[in-house]
């Protein structure tokens, strides 16, 4: 979207609409509605929104252990002494951690890949956090890896790559049960389905 796409709008408003339109899932009409909503916000609320965006860009880092997004490394999950450190659940994105944590059925640690292997999109093993994963799996305290990639073609290919390239013969490798919808995403799966998927995970 360019400024010409918002006839009669002030340049600063057109710029805001254009930037909002870059967000995933936000079309031109939604971008315009959001822009006008922001304009109507009290000054302090608009400033708080701007500060939150700036702060998240300045403060968010990768956890040194699990690669999840955090304000301080290690993250709150990795530093929690109550978590079971013998099991690592591998997920594609940080939002998947949030989805699984809502179930309250998993008390181990996580590893966030930040993507999946997708040759058609030019994403190979070196473009996601696989090297860091294999380093963690080499630690003797890790007894089980739960592969929780999404049940998509790319997710399954990534799971198979992990299984083939991890180096330990004594590592238990499980996969979430196939109660998850094929082609779906963990982020949009309800807590009951995720809980049952964890309980029914299988050896792979």
N, C-alpha and C. Protein backbone atom coordinates (compact mmCIF):
# COMPACT_ATOMS: atom_id res chain seq x y z
N UNK A 1 0.85 -1.19 0.00
CA UNK A 1 0.00 0.00 0.00
C UNK A 1 0.88 1.24 0.00
N UNK A 2 0.53 2.26 -0.78
CA UNK A 2 1.25 3.52 -0.81
C UNK A 2 0.33 4.61 -0.30
N UNK A 3 0.88 5.81 -0.16
CA UNK A 3 0.07 6.91 0.33
C UNK A 3 -1.10 7.19 -0.60
N UNK A 4 -0.93 6.93 -1.91
CA UNK A 4 -2.00 7.18 -2.87
C UNK A 4 -3.20 6.26 -2.63
N UNK A 5 -3.00 5.16 -1.88
CA UNK A 5 -4.09 4.24 -1.62
C UNK A 5 -5.04 4.75 -0.54
N UNK A 6 -4.69 5.84 0.12
CA UNK A 6 -5.55 6.41 1.16
C UNK A 6 -5.90 7.84 0.73
N UNK A 7 -6.83 7.98 -0.19
CA UNK A 7 -7.17 9.31 -0.70
C UNK A 7 -7.61 10.25 0.42
N UNK A 8 -7.07 11.45 0.40
CA UNK A 8 -7.48 12.47 1.36
C UNK A 8 -6.84 12.34 2.73
N UNK A 9 -6.02 11.31 2.94
CA UNK A 9 -5.41 11.11 4.26
C UNK A 9 -4.14 11.93 4.39
N UNK A 10 -3.87 12.38 5.61
CA UNK A 10 -2.62 13.09 5.88
C UNK A 10 -1.44 12.15 5.66
N UNK A 11 -0.28 12.67 5.27
CA UNK A 11 0.88 11.80 5.04
C UNK A 11 1.24 10.92 6.22
N UNK A 12 1.16 11.48 7.44
CA UNK A 12 1.51 10.67 8.61
C UNK A 12 0.50 9.54 8.82
N UNK A 13 -0.76 9.78 8.54
CA UNK A 13 -1.77 8.75 8.66
C UNK A 13 -1.58 7.68 7.57
N UNK A 14 -1.28 8.12 6.36
CA UNK A 14 -1.02 7.17 5.28
C UNK A 14 0.16 6.27 5.61
N UNK A 15 1.18 6.86 6.23
CA UNK A 15 2.34 6.05 6.60
C UNK A 15 1.97 5.01 7.65
N UNK A 16 1.17 5.40 8.64
CA UNK A 16 0.75 4.46 9.67
C UNK A 16 -0.07 3.32 9.06
N UNK A 17 -0.98 3.65 8.16
CA UNK A 17 -1.78 2.63 7.49
C UNK A 17 -0.88 1.69 6.71
N UNK A 18 0.10 2.24 6.02
CA UNK A 18 1.02 1.43 5.23
C UNK A 18 1.80 0.47 6.12
N UNK A 19 2.28 0.94 7.26
CA UNK A 19 3.07 0.08 8.15
C UNK A 19 2.18 -1.00 8.78
N UNK A 20 0.97 -0.65 9.17
CA UNK A 20 0.05 -1.64 9.74
C UNK A 20 -0.30 -2.71 8.70
N UNK A 21 -0.40 -2.30 7.45
CA UNK A 21 -0.74 -3.23 6.37
C UNK A 21 0.34 -4.27 6.15
N UNK A 22 1.56 -3.99 6.64
CA UNK A 22 2.66 -4.97 6.51
C UNK A 22 2.52 -6.13 7.49
N UNK A 23 1.72 -5.97 8.53
CA UNK A 23 1.56 -7.00 9.53
C UNK A 23 0.81 -8.19 8.95
N UNK A 24 1.18 -9.42 9.35
CA UNK A 24 0.49 -10.60 8.81
C UNK A 24 -0.98 -10.61 9.20
N UNK A 25 -1.83 -10.89 8.22
CA UNK A 25 -3.26 -10.99 8.48
C UNK A 25 -3.98 -9.65 8.50
N UNK A 26 -3.26 -8.56 8.28
CA UNK A 26 -3.86 -7.23 8.28
C UNK A 26 -3.95 -6.72 6.85
N UNK A 27 -5.17 -6.69 6.31
CA UNK A 27 -5.39 -6.17 4.98
C UNK A 27 -5.53 -4.65 4.99
N UNK A 28 -5.69 -4.05 3.81
CA UNK A 28 -5.79 -2.58 3.72
C UNK A 28 -6.92 -2.00 4.57
N UNK A 29 -8.10 -2.63 4.54
CA UNK A 29 -9.23 -2.08 5.31
C UNK A 29 -8.99 -2.20 6.81
N UNK A 30 -8.45 -3.36 7.24
CA UNK A 30 -8.14 -3.52 8.67
C UNK A 30 -7.07 -2.53 9.10
N UNK A 31 -6.09 -2.30 8.24
CA UNK A 31 -5.03 -1.34 8.56
C UNK A 31 -5.60 0.05 8.75
N UNK A 32 -6.55 0.43 7.91
CA UNK A 32 -7.17 1.75 8.05
C UNK A 32 -7.97 1.85 9.35
N UNK A 33 -8.72 0.78 9.68
CA UNK A 33 -9.50 0.80 10.92
C UNK A 33 -8.59 0.90 12.14
N UNK A 34 -7.49 0.15 12.13
CA UNK A 34 -6.55 0.20 13.25
C UNK A 34 -5.92 1.58 13.36
N UNK A 35 -5.57 2.16 12.22
CA UNK A 35 -4.94 3.48 12.24
C UNK A 35 -5.87 4.52 12.84
N UNK A 36 -7.13 4.50 12.43
CA UNK A 36 -8.08 5.48 12.98
C UNK A 36 -8.38 5.19 14.45
N UNK A 37 -8.32 3.92 14.86
CA UNK A 37 -8.49 3.58 16.28
C UNK A 37 -7.34 4.17 17.09
N UNK A 38 -6.12 4.03 16.56
CA UNK A 38 -4.95 4.56 17.28
C UNK A 38 -5.04 6.08 17.40
N UNK A 39 -5.52 6.74 16.35
CA UNK A 39 -5.64 8.19 16.39
C UNK A 39 -6.58 8.62 17.51
N UNK A 40 -7.62 7.82 17.74
CA UNK A 40 -8.61 8.18 18.77
C UNK A 40 -8.15 7.84 20.19
N UNK A 41 -7.07 7.12 20.32
CA UNK A 41 -6.58 6.78 21.66
C UNK A 41 -6.13 8.03 22.41
N UNK A 42 -6.32 8.06 23.72
CA UNK A 42 -5.72 9.14 24.52
C UNK A 42 -4.19 9.13 24.33
N UNK A 43 -3.58 10.27 24.48
CA UNK A 43 -2.15 10.40 24.23
C UNK A 43 -1.33 9.39 25.03
N UNK A 44 -1.72 9.18 26.31
CA UNK A 44 -0.92 8.28 27.16
C UNK A 44 -1.03 6.82 26.69
N UNK A 45 -2.22 6.44 26.17
CA UNK A 45 -2.37 5.07 25.67
C UNK A 45 -1.62 4.87 24.36
N UNK A 46 -1.64 5.87 23.50
CA UNK A 46 -0.88 5.78 22.25
C UNK A 46 0.61 5.72 22.55
N UNK A 47 1.07 6.51 23.52
CA UNK A 47 2.49 6.49 23.89
C UNK A 47 2.87 5.14 24.49
N UNK A 48 1.97 4.55 25.29
CA UNK A 48 2.25 3.24 25.89
C UNK A 48 2.37 2.18 24.81
N UNK A 49 1.52 2.25 23.79
CA UNK A 49 1.60 1.31 22.68
C UNK A 49 2.92 1.45 21.95
N UNK A 50 3.31 2.67 21.65
CA UNK A 50 4.57 2.91 20.96
C UNK A 50 5.76 2.45 21.80
N UNK A 51 5.69 2.72 23.11
CA UNK A 51 6.77 2.29 24.01
C UNK A 51 6.88 0.77 24.07
N UNK A 52 5.72 0.09 24.05
CA UNK A 52 5.72 -1.37 24.11
C UNK A 52 6.38 -1.96 22.87
N UNK A 53 6.10 -1.39 21.70
CA UNK A 53 6.72 -1.86 20.46
C UNK A 53 8.23 -1.64 20.50
N UNK A 54 8.64 -0.45 20.95
CA UNK A 54 10.07 -0.14 21.03
C UNK A 54 10.77 -1.05 22.04
N UNK A 55 10.14 -1.26 23.19
CA UNK A 55 10.75 -2.07 24.24
C UNK A 55 10.93 -3.51 23.81
N UNK A 56 9.94 -4.07 23.12
CA UNK A 56 10.05 -5.47 22.73
C UNK A 56 11.16 -5.66 21.71
N UNK A 57 11.37 -4.67 20.85
CA UNK A 57 12.46 -4.75 19.88
C UNK A 57 13.82 -4.60 20.55
N UNK A 58 13.88 -3.80 21.61
CA UNK A 58 15.16 -3.54 22.28
C UNK A 58 15.52 -4.62 23.29
N UNK A 59 14.52 -5.23 23.92
CA UNK A 59 14.78 -6.10 25.07
C UNK A 59 14.71 -7.59 24.79
N UNK A 60 13.98 -8.00 23.75
CA UNK A 60 13.79 -9.43 23.52
C UNK A 60 15.07 -10.06 22.96
N UNK A 61 15.45 -11.19 23.57
CA UNK A 61 16.62 -11.95 23.12
C UNK A 61 16.24 -13.43 23.05
N UNK A 62 17.12 -14.24 22.47
CA UNK A 62 16.92 -15.68 22.48
C UNK A 62 17.43 -16.26 23.79
N UNK A 63 16.66 -17.15 24.40
CA UNK A 63 17.15 -17.87 25.58
C UNK A 63 18.36 -18.69 25.18
N UNK A 64 19.39 -18.65 25.98
CA UNK A 64 20.64 -19.36 25.65
C UNK A 64 20.46 -20.87 25.63
N UNK A 65 19.41 -21.37 26.27
CA UNK A 65 19.18 -22.82 26.30
C UNK A 65 18.14 -23.27 25.28
N UNK A 66 16.94 -22.71 25.37
CA UNK A 66 15.83 -23.22 24.56
C UNK A 66 15.56 -22.42 23.29
N UNK A 67 16.21 -21.26 23.15
CA UNK A 67 16.04 -20.38 21.99
C UNK A 67 14.67 -19.70 21.94
N UNK A 68 13.89 -19.79 23.02
CA UNK A 68 12.62 -19.07 23.06
C UNK A 68 12.90 -17.58 23.24
N UNK A 69 11.91 -16.76 22.95
CA UNK A 69 12.06 -15.32 23.12
C UNK A 69 11.88 -14.96 24.59
N UNK A 70 12.75 -14.10 25.09
CA UNK A 70 12.73 -13.78 26.51
C UNK A 70 13.35 -12.40 26.74
N UNK A 71 13.03 -11.81 27.89
CA UNK A 71 13.67 -10.55 28.27
C UNK A 71 15.00 -10.79 28.97
N UNK A 72 15.17 -11.97 29.53
CA UNK A 72 16.41 -12.31 30.25
C UNK A 72 16.75 -13.77 29.98
N UNK A 73 18.01 -14.04 29.78
CA UNK A 73 18.46 -15.40 29.49
C UNK A 73 19.26 -15.95 30.67
N UNK A 74 18.94 -17.18 31.13
CA UNK A 74 17.93 -18.10 30.61
C UNK A 74 16.52 -17.63 30.92
N UNK A 75 15.56 -18.16 30.15
CA UNK A 75 14.16 -17.75 30.30
C UNK A 75 13.57 -18.32 31.60
N UNK A 76 12.35 -17.91 31.90
CA UNK A 76 11.71 -18.32 33.15
C UNK A 76 11.45 -19.83 33.20
N UNK A 77 11.21 -20.46 32.04
CA UNK A 77 10.98 -21.91 32.02
C UNK A 77 12.27 -22.65 32.26
N UNK A 78 13.33 -22.27 31.55
CA UNK A 78 14.61 -22.97 31.70
C UNK A 78 15.22 -22.78 33.08
N UNK A 79 14.92 -21.66 33.72
CA UNK A 79 15.49 -21.40 35.05
C UNK A 79 14.62 -21.90 36.19
N UNK A 80 13.47 -22.48 35.86
CA UNK A 80 12.56 -22.98 36.89
C UNK A 80 13.04 -24.35 37.39
N UNK A 81 13.44 -24.46 38.66
CA UNK A 81 13.96 -25.72 39.18
C UNK A 81 12.92 -26.83 39.26
N UNK A 82 11.64 -26.47 39.13
CA UNK A 82 10.58 -27.47 39.21
C UNK A 82 10.36 -28.19 37.88
N UNK A 83 10.96 -27.71 36.80
CA UNK A 83 10.77 -28.35 35.50
C UNK A 83 11.62 -29.61 35.39
N UNK A 84 11.08 -30.60 34.68
CA UNK A 84 11.77 -31.86 34.45
C UNK A 84 12.82 -31.67 33.36
N UNK A 85 14.09 -31.69 33.73
CA UNK A 85 15.17 -31.40 32.78
C UNK A 85 15.57 -32.61 31.95
N UNK A 86 14.90 -33.74 32.15
CA UNK A 86 15.25 -34.93 31.39
C UNK A 86 14.48 -35.03 30.08
N UNK A 87 13.54 -34.11 29.86
CA UNK A 87 12.71 -34.18 28.67
C UNK A 87 12.68 -32.81 27.98
N UNK A 88 12.87 -32.83 26.66
CA UNK A 88 12.88 -31.61 25.86
C UNK A 88 11.83 -31.74 24.76
N UNK A 89 10.93 -30.78 24.71
CA UNK A 89 9.88 -30.76 23.69
C UNK A 89 10.29 -29.78 22.59
N UNK A 90 10.37 -30.27 21.36
CA UNK A 90 10.82 -29.46 20.22
C UNK A 90 9.60 -28.90 19.49
N UNK A 91 9.53 -27.57 19.39
CA UNK A 91 8.42 -26.92 18.71
C UNK A 91 8.95 -25.99 17.63
N UNK A 92 8.06 -25.58 16.74
CA UNK A 92 8.47 -24.74 15.62
C UNK A 92 8.64 -23.27 16.02
N UNK A 93 7.69 -22.74 16.77
CA UNK A 93 7.65 -21.30 17.03
C UNK A 93 7.37 -21.00 18.50
N UNK A 94 7.73 -19.79 18.96
CA UNK A 94 7.44 -19.40 20.35
C UNK A 94 5.96 -19.50 20.71
N UNK A 95 5.06 -19.23 19.77
CA UNK A 95 3.63 -19.33 20.06
C UNK A 95 3.22 -20.75 20.42
N UNK A 96 3.96 -21.75 19.92
CA UNK A 96 3.66 -23.14 20.25
C UNK A 96 3.95 -23.42 21.73
N UNK A 97 4.97 -22.78 22.28
CA UNK A 97 5.27 -22.92 23.71
C UNK A 97 4.08 -22.40 24.53
N UNK A 98 3.56 -21.25 24.14
CA UNK A 98 2.42 -20.68 24.86
C UNK A 98 1.22 -21.62 24.80
N UNK A 99 0.98 -22.21 23.62
CA UNK A 99 -0.16 -23.12 23.47
C UNK A 99 0.00 -24.34 24.37
N UNK A 100 1.18 -24.92 24.42
CA UNK A 100 1.41 -26.11 25.24
C UNK A 100 1.40 -25.78 26.73
N UNK A 101 1.90 -24.61 27.10
CA UNK A 101 1.89 -24.22 28.51
C UNK A 101 0.47 -24.03 29.02
N UNK A 102 -0.44 -23.62 28.15
CA UNK A 102 -1.83 -23.43 28.59
C UNK A 102 -2.47 -24.75 29.01
N UNK A 103 -1.96 -25.86 28.52
CA UNK A 103 -2.55 -27.15 28.89
C UNK A 103 -2.19 -27.56 30.31
N UNK A 104 -1.09 -27.04 30.83
CA UNK A 104 -0.59 -27.39 32.17
C UNK A 104 -0.34 -28.90 32.31
N UNK A 105 -0.13 -29.58 31.19
CA UNK A 105 0.08 -31.03 31.24
C UNK A 105 1.53 -31.42 30.97
N UNK A 106 2.37 -30.43 30.67
CA UNK A 106 3.77 -30.73 30.35
C UNK A 106 4.66 -29.93 31.29
N UNK A 107 5.60 -30.62 31.93
CA UNK A 107 6.47 -29.96 32.91
C UNK A 107 7.94 -30.09 32.57
N UNK A 108 8.25 -30.44 31.33
CA UNK A 108 9.64 -30.50 30.91
C UNK A 108 10.11 -29.17 30.35
N UNK A 109 11.19 -29.24 29.56
CA UNK A 109 11.75 -28.06 28.93
C UNK A 109 11.37 -28.03 27.45
N UNK A 110 11.72 -26.95 26.78
CA UNK A 110 11.38 -26.78 25.37
C UNK A 110 12.64 -26.49 24.55
N UNK A 111 12.48 -26.65 23.23
CA UNK A 111 13.46 -26.11 22.30
C UNK A 111 12.69 -25.54 21.11
N UNK A 112 12.91 -24.26 20.81
CA UNK A 112 12.18 -23.58 19.74
C UNK A 112 13.06 -23.51 18.50
N UNK A 113 12.58 -24.06 17.40
CA UNK A 113 13.35 -24.10 16.15
C UNK A 113 13.31 -22.78 15.38
N UNK A 114 12.27 -22.01 15.57
CA UNK A 114 12.05 -20.78 14.80
C UNK A 114 11.93 -21.07 13.31
N UNK A 115 11.09 -22.05 13.00
CA UNK A 115 10.83 -22.38 11.61
C UNK A 115 10.92 -23.87 11.37
N UNK A 116 10.79 -24.24 10.11
CA UNK A 116 10.90 -25.64 9.69
C UNK A 116 11.71 -25.70 8.41
N UNK A 117 12.24 -26.87 8.13
CA UNK A 117 12.97 -27.07 6.88
C UNK A 117 11.97 -27.00 5.72
N UNK A 118 12.24 -26.13 4.78
CA UNK A 118 11.32 -25.94 3.65
C UNK A 118 12.14 -25.54 2.42
N UNK A 119 12.66 -26.52 1.69
CA UNK A 119 13.49 -26.20 0.53
C UNK A 119 12.80 -25.30 -0.49
N UNK A 120 11.49 -25.47 -0.64
CA UNK A 120 10.78 -24.65 -1.64
C UNK A 120 10.81 -23.17 -1.27
N UNK A 121 10.95 -22.89 0.04
CA UNK A 121 11.05 -21.50 0.51
C UNK A 121 12.49 -21.10 0.82
N UNK A 122 13.43 -21.96 0.44
CA UNK A 122 14.84 -21.65 0.66
C UNK A 122 15.29 -21.76 2.10
N UNK A 123 14.57 -22.52 2.91
CA UNK A 123 14.94 -22.68 4.33
C UNK A 123 15.53 -24.07 4.53
N UNK A 124 16.81 -24.12 4.84
CA UNK A 124 17.49 -25.37 5.09
C UNK A 124 17.77 -25.56 6.57
N UNK A 125 18.40 -26.65 6.93
CA UNK A 125 18.69 -26.94 8.34
C UNK A 125 19.49 -25.85 9.04
N UNK A 126 20.35 -25.16 8.29
CA UNK A 126 21.19 -24.13 8.91
C UNK A 126 20.43 -22.85 9.21
N UNK A 127 19.22 -22.71 8.66
CA UNK A 127 18.45 -21.49 8.88
C UNK A 127 17.55 -21.54 10.11
N UNK A 128 17.46 -22.69 10.75
CA UNK A 128 16.67 -22.80 11.97
C UNK A 128 17.57 -23.32 13.09
N UNK A 129 17.06 -23.39 14.31
CA UNK A 129 17.89 -23.65 15.48
C UNK A 129 18.12 -25.15 15.71
N UNK A 130 18.63 -25.83 14.68
CA UNK A 130 18.91 -27.26 14.81
C UNK A 130 20.26 -27.54 15.44
N UNK A 131 21.26 -26.75 15.12
CA UNK A 131 22.58 -26.96 15.72
C UNK A 131 22.50 -26.85 17.23
N UNK A 132 21.75 -25.86 17.70
CA UNK A 132 21.58 -25.68 19.14
C UNK A 132 20.82 -26.86 19.76
N UNK A 133 19.84 -27.39 19.01
CA UNK A 133 19.09 -28.55 19.51
C UNK A 133 20.00 -29.76 19.66
N UNK A 134 20.80 -30.06 18.65
CA UNK A 134 21.66 -31.24 18.71
C UNK A 134 22.69 -31.12 19.83
N UNK A 135 23.13 -29.90 20.12
CA UNK A 135 24.05 -29.70 21.24
C UNK A 135 23.37 -30.04 22.57
N UNK A 136 22.10 -29.66 22.71
CA UNK A 136 21.36 -29.97 23.94
C UNK A 136 21.12 -31.47 24.07
N UNK A 137 20.79 -32.12 22.95
CA UNK A 137 20.49 -33.54 23.01
C UNK A 137 21.71 -34.36 23.39
N UNK A 138 22.89 -33.81 23.20
CA UNK A 138 24.12 -34.52 23.56
C UNK A 138 24.34 -34.55 25.07
N UNK A 139 23.60 -33.72 25.79
CA UNK A 139 23.75 -33.69 27.25
C UNK A 139 23.13 -34.95 27.85
N UNK A 140 23.87 -35.68 28.71
CA UNK A 140 23.38 -36.97 29.24
C UNK A 140 22.12 -36.86 30.08
N UNK A 141 21.82 -35.68 30.66
CA UNK A 141 20.62 -35.56 31.48
C UNK A 141 19.34 -35.59 30.65
N UNK A 142 19.44 -35.34 29.35
CA UNK A 142 18.26 -35.40 28.49
C UNK A 142 17.99 -36.85 28.12
N UNK A 143 16.87 -37.39 28.57
CA UNK A 143 16.52 -38.79 28.33
C UNK A 143 15.46 -38.95 27.25
N UNK A 144 14.65 -37.90 27.02
CA UNK A 144 13.58 -38.00 26.04
C UNK A 144 13.44 -36.69 25.28
N UNK A 145 13.20 -36.82 23.98
CA UNK A 145 12.86 -35.67 23.14
C UNK A 145 11.46 -35.90 22.59
N UNK A 146 10.56 -34.93 22.85
CA UNK A 146 9.22 -34.96 22.26
C UNK A 146 9.23 -34.07 21.03
N UNK A 147 9.00 -34.64 19.87
CA UNK A 147 8.95 -33.85 18.64
C UNK A 147 7.53 -33.34 18.47
N UNK A 148 7.35 -32.04 18.58
CA UNK A 148 6.02 -31.43 18.52
C UNK A 148 5.92 -30.45 17.36
N UNK A 149 6.55 -30.81 16.24
CA UNK A 149 6.38 -29.99 15.05
C UNK A 149 4.95 -30.15 14.55
N UNK A 150 4.48 -29.17 13.79
CA UNK A 150 3.11 -29.22 13.30
C UNK A 150 2.92 -30.35 12.29
N UNK A 151 1.72 -30.95 12.22
CA UNK A 151 1.47 -32.05 11.30
C UNK A 151 1.25 -31.57 9.87
N UNK A 152 2.27 -30.90 9.33
CA UNK A 152 2.28 -30.44 7.94
C UNK A 152 3.42 -31.14 7.22
N UNK A 153 3.48 -30.99 5.92
CA UNK A 153 4.56 -31.61 5.15
C UNK A 153 5.93 -31.15 5.64
N UNK A 154 6.06 -29.83 5.85
CA UNK A 154 7.34 -29.30 6.32
C UNK A 154 7.64 -29.73 7.75
N UNK A 155 6.60 -29.75 8.59
CA UNK A 155 6.79 -30.17 9.97
C UNK A 155 7.22 -31.61 10.07
N UNK A 156 6.61 -32.48 9.27
CA UNK A 156 6.99 -33.90 9.27
C UNK A 156 8.39 -34.10 8.73
N UNK A 157 8.76 -33.34 7.68
CA UNK A 157 10.11 -33.44 7.11
C UNK A 157 11.16 -33.00 8.13
N UNK A 158 10.84 -31.96 8.89
CA UNK A 158 11.76 -31.48 9.92
C UNK A 158 11.90 -32.51 11.04
N UNK A 159 10.78 -33.12 11.44
CA UNK A 159 10.82 -34.16 12.48
C UNK A 159 11.68 -35.33 12.04
N UNK A 160 11.55 -35.73 10.78
CA UNK A 160 12.35 -36.85 10.28
C UNK A 160 13.83 -36.48 10.22
N UNK A 161 14.13 -35.26 9.85
CA UNK A 161 15.52 -34.80 9.81
C UNK A 161 16.13 -34.86 11.21
N UNK A 162 15.38 -34.38 12.19
CA UNK A 162 15.88 -34.40 13.58
C UNK A 162 16.15 -35.83 14.02
N UNK A 163 15.20 -36.72 13.75
CA UNK A 163 15.37 -38.11 14.19
C UNK A 163 16.60 -38.75 13.54
N UNK A 164 16.82 -38.47 12.27
CA UNK A 164 17.93 -39.09 11.55
C UNK A 164 19.29 -38.52 11.93
N UNK A 165 19.32 -37.26 12.33
CA UNK A 165 20.61 -36.61 12.55
C UNK A 165 21.00 -36.45 14.01
N UNK A 166 20.11 -36.78 14.93
CA UNK A 166 20.54 -36.78 16.34
C UNK A 166 21.44 -38.00 16.55
N UNK A 167 22.42 -37.86 17.40
CA UNK A 167 23.51 -38.84 17.44
C UNK A 167 23.42 -39.90 18.54
N UNK A 168 22.41 -39.85 19.40
CA UNK A 168 22.38 -40.77 20.54
C UNK A 168 21.47 -41.96 20.29
N UNK A 169 22.01 -43.15 20.57
CA UNK A 169 21.21 -44.38 20.44
C UNK A 169 20.29 -44.59 21.63
N UNK A 170 20.63 -43.99 22.78
CA UNK A 170 19.86 -44.23 24.00
C UNK A 170 18.79 -43.17 24.24
N UNK A 171 18.62 -42.24 23.32
CA UNK A 171 17.65 -41.18 23.51
C UNK A 171 16.26 -41.66 23.11
N UNK A 172 15.31 -41.51 24.02
CA UNK A 172 13.92 -41.83 23.69
C UNK A 172 13.34 -40.70 22.87
N UNK A 173 12.78 -41.02 21.71
CA UNK A 173 12.20 -40.01 20.83
C UNK A 173 10.72 -40.31 20.66
N UNK A 174 9.89 -39.36 21.06
CA UNK A 174 8.44 -39.53 20.92
C UNK A 174 7.87 -38.40 20.07
N UNK A 175 6.66 -38.62 19.61
CA UNK A 175 5.96 -37.64 18.78
C UNK A 175 4.57 -37.47 19.37
N UNK A 176 4.05 -36.25 19.30
CA UNK A 176 2.69 -36.05 19.79
C UNK A 176 1.73 -36.98 19.06
N UNK A 177 0.75 -37.49 19.78
CA UNK A 177 -0.22 -38.40 19.19
C UNK A 177 -0.94 -37.72 18.04
N UNK A 178 -1.42 -38.54 17.11
CA UNK A 178 -2.03 -38.00 15.92
C UNK A 178 -3.48 -37.59 16.10
N UNK A 179 -3.85 -37.23 17.34
CA UNK A 179 -5.15 -36.62 17.54
C UNK A 179 -5.17 -35.19 17.02
N UNK A 180 -3.97 -34.65 16.75
CA UNK A 180 -3.90 -33.31 16.19
C UNK A 180 -4.37 -33.33 14.75
N UNK A 181 -5.09 -32.32 14.31
CA UNK A 181 -5.58 -32.29 12.93
C UNK A 181 -4.44 -32.16 11.93
N UNK A 182 -4.46 -32.98 10.89
CA UNK A 182 -3.44 -32.91 9.86
C UNK A 182 -3.54 -31.57 9.15
N UNK A 183 -2.40 -30.90 9.00
CA UNK A 183 -2.39 -29.60 8.36
C UNK A 183 -2.66 -28.45 9.31
N UNK A 184 -2.92 -28.76 10.58
CA UNK A 184 -3.23 -27.72 11.55
C UNK A 184 -1.98 -27.20 12.23
N UNK A 185 -2.16 -26.26 13.15
CA UNK A 185 -1.06 -25.66 13.90
C UNK A 185 -1.34 -25.76 15.38
N UNK A 186 -0.27 -25.95 16.17
CA UNK A 186 -0.42 -26.03 17.62
C UNK A 186 -1.06 -24.76 18.18
N UNK A 187 -0.70 -23.62 17.59
CA UNK A 187 -1.17 -22.34 18.09
C UNK A 187 -2.69 -22.27 18.15
N UNK A 188 -3.38 -22.94 17.21
CA UNK A 188 -4.83 -22.84 17.12
C UNK A 188 -5.55 -24.09 17.63
N UNK A 189 -4.80 -25.00 18.28
CA UNK A 189 -5.39 -26.23 18.78
C UNK A 189 -5.84 -26.02 20.23
N UNK A 190 -7.01 -26.55 20.58
CA UNK A 190 -7.54 -26.33 21.93
C UNK A 190 -6.75 -27.13 22.95
N UNK A 191 -6.87 -26.72 24.21
CA UNK A 191 -6.07 -27.30 25.30
C UNK A 191 -6.36 -28.78 25.50
N UNK A 192 -7.62 -29.21 25.37
CA UNK A 192 -7.96 -30.62 25.58
C UNK A 192 -7.28 -31.50 24.54
N UNK A 193 -7.33 -31.08 23.27
CA UNK A 193 -6.69 -31.86 22.21
C UNK A 193 -5.19 -31.94 22.43
N UNK A 194 -4.57 -30.82 22.83
CA UNK A 194 -3.13 -30.82 23.07
C UNK A 194 -2.76 -31.72 24.25
N UNK A 195 -3.58 -31.69 25.30
CA UNK A 195 -3.32 -32.54 26.47
C UNK A 195 -3.37 -34.02 26.08
N UNK A 196 -4.39 -34.41 25.32
CA UNK A 196 -4.51 -35.80 24.90
C UNK A 196 -3.39 -36.20 23.95
N UNK A 197 -2.96 -35.24 23.12
CA UNK A 197 -1.86 -35.53 22.21
C UNK A 197 -0.57 -35.82 22.99
N UNK A 198 -0.36 -35.06 24.06
CA UNK A 198 0.83 -35.29 24.89
C UNK A 198 0.72 -36.64 25.58
N UNK A 199 -0.43 -36.93 26.13
CA UNK A 199 -0.60 -38.19 26.87
C UNK A 199 -0.46 -39.41 25.95
N UNK A 200 -0.82 -39.25 24.68
CA UNK A 200 -0.75 -40.35 23.74
C UNK A 200 0.45 -40.32 22.82
N UNK A 201 1.50 -39.57 23.20
CA UNK A 201 2.67 -39.48 22.33
C UNK A 201 3.28 -40.87 22.13
N UNK A 202 3.91 -41.06 20.97
CA UNK A 202 4.38 -42.37 20.57
C UNK A 202 5.85 -42.36 20.23
N UNK A 203 6.46 -43.53 20.33
CA UNK A 203 7.85 -43.67 19.90
C UNK A 203 7.92 -43.50 18.39
N UNK A 204 9.02 -42.86 17.91
CA UNK A 204 9.22 -42.75 16.48
C UNK A 204 10.63 -43.21 16.12
